[in-house]
Amino acid sequence: MLSALYNALIEWNRNASDREKLQHTYLTILVISVVVAGLVSLIDVITGQDLLLVSAVAGAIYLVNAVVWALLESVVFTRLSGKRKRQ
């Protein structure tokens, strides 16, 4: 099982771009922090809500990063590739 996870991580590292890796990291932090906040909320509600704030921040960063990359790809990168083709 551990070797299968190791091989999956190696394959993911080989096939994913840096942007995709960053987005996957944000989503992983989001999911793990939601689970941890839920478990902590069973013991202490206030602390669980504070930990849930980490999830909200990770989700906001994920969304902002996705929007910025989409805008960059659609506006800047297409113009740069178009100028290179004309030369």
Protein backbone atom coordinates (compact mmCIF):
# COMPACT_ATOMS: atom_id res chain seq x y z
CA MET A 1 0.00 0.00 0.00
CA LEU A 2 2.79 2.39 0.92
CA SER A 3 4.64 1.63 -2.31
CA ALA A 4 1.47 2.27 -4.32
CA LEU A 5 1.10 5.67 -2.66
CA TYR A 6 4.77 6.41 -3.30
CA ASN A 7 4.41 5.46 -6.98
CA ALA A 8 1.26 7.58 -7.30
CA LEU A 9 3.09 10.59 -5.85
CA ILE A 10 6.01 10.11 -8.23
CA GLU A 11 3.62 9.88 -11.19
CA TRP A 12 1.72 12.97 -10.00
CA ASN A 13 5.00 14.89 -9.66
CA ARG A 14 6.02 13.90 -13.17
CA ASN A 15 2.72 14.71 -14.90
CA ALA A 16 1.40 17.80 -13.06
CA SER A 17 2.51 21.34 -13.76
CA ASP A 18 3.61 23.66 -10.98
CA ARG A 19 0.26 25.45 -11.02
CA GLU A 20 -1.63 22.18 -10.73
CA LYS A 21 0.57 21.08 -7.85
CA LEU A 22 -0.11 24.36 -6.06
CA GLN A 23 -3.85 24.02 -6.57
CA HIS A 24 -3.76 20.42 -5.34
CA THR A 25 -1.87 21.56 -2.26
CA TYR A 26 -4.48 24.18 -1.47
CA LEU A 27 -7.27 21.64 -1.86
CA THR A 28 -5.44 19.14 0.35
CA ILE A 29 -4.97 21.75 3.07
CA LEU A 30 -8.64 22.65 2.74
CA VAL A 31 -9.89 19.08 3.12
CA ILE A 32 -7.52 18.17 5.95
CA SER A 33 -8.29 21.33 7.89
CA VAL A 34 -12.05 20.77 7.55
CA VAL A 35 -11.69 17.22 8.90
CA VAL A 36 -9.44 18.34 11.77
CA ALA A 37 -11.78 21.23 12.60
CA GLY A 38 -14.71 18.84 12.67
CA LEU A 39 -12.92 16.45 15.00
CA VAL A 40 -11.74 19.25 17.29
CA SER A 41 -15.29 20.67 17.35
CA LEU A 42 -16.43 17.49 19.06
CA ILE A 43 -14.20 18.44 22.00
CA ASP A 44 -14.12 22.24 21.90
CA VAL A 45 -16.49 24.18 19.65
CA ILE A 46 -14.65 27.51 19.77
CA THR A 47 -11.30 25.99 18.79
CA GLY A 48 -12.99 24.01 16.00
CA GLN A 49 -14.47 27.20 14.61
CA ASP A 50 -11.07 28.88 14.75
CA LEU A 51 -9.57 25.98 12.81
CA LEU A 52 -12.39 26.24 10.31
CA LEU A 53 -11.10 29.72 9.54
CA VAL A 54 -7.95 28.06 8.15
CA SER A 55 -10.18 26.13 5.75
CA ALA A 56 -11.93 29.32 4.66
CA VAL A 57 -8.60 31.02 4.00
CA ALA A 58 -7.30 28.03 2.01
CA GLY A 59 -10.52 28.00 -0.02
CA ALA A 60 -10.27 31.73 -0.71
CA ILE A 61 -6.63 31.39 -1.78
CA TYR A 62 -7.59 28.49 -4.04
CA LEU A 63 -10.31 30.52 -5.74
CA VAL A 64 -8.19 33.65 -6.14
CA ASN A 65 -5.30 31.61 -7.53
CA ALA A 66 -7.60 29.88 -10.03
CA VAL A 67 -9.07 33.18 -11.23
CA VAL A 68 -5.66 34.86 -11.56
CA TRP A 69 -4.21 31.95 -13.52
CA ALA A 70 -7.25 31.82 -15.80
CA LEU A 71 -6.94 35.54 -16.51
CA LEU A 72 -3.21 35.26 -17.13
CA GLU A 73 -3.65 32.35 -19.50
CA SER A 74 -6.47 33.97 -21.43
CA VAL A 75 -5.10 37.49 -21.70
CA VAL A 76 -1.35 37.61 -21.28
CA PHE A 77 -0.13 34.23 -22.45
CA THR A 78 -2.25 34.21 -25.61
CA ARG A 79 -0.97 37.66 -26.58
CA LEU A 80 2.63 36.61 -25.97
CA SER A 81 2.25 33.45 -28.04
CA GLY A 82 0.53 35.46 -30.80
CA LYS A 83 3.43 37.93 -30.98
CA ARG A 84 5.94 35.09 -31.19
CA LYS A 85 4.08 33.50 -34.11
CA ARG A 86 4.04 36.77 -36.10
CA GLN A 87 7.80 37.26 -35.80
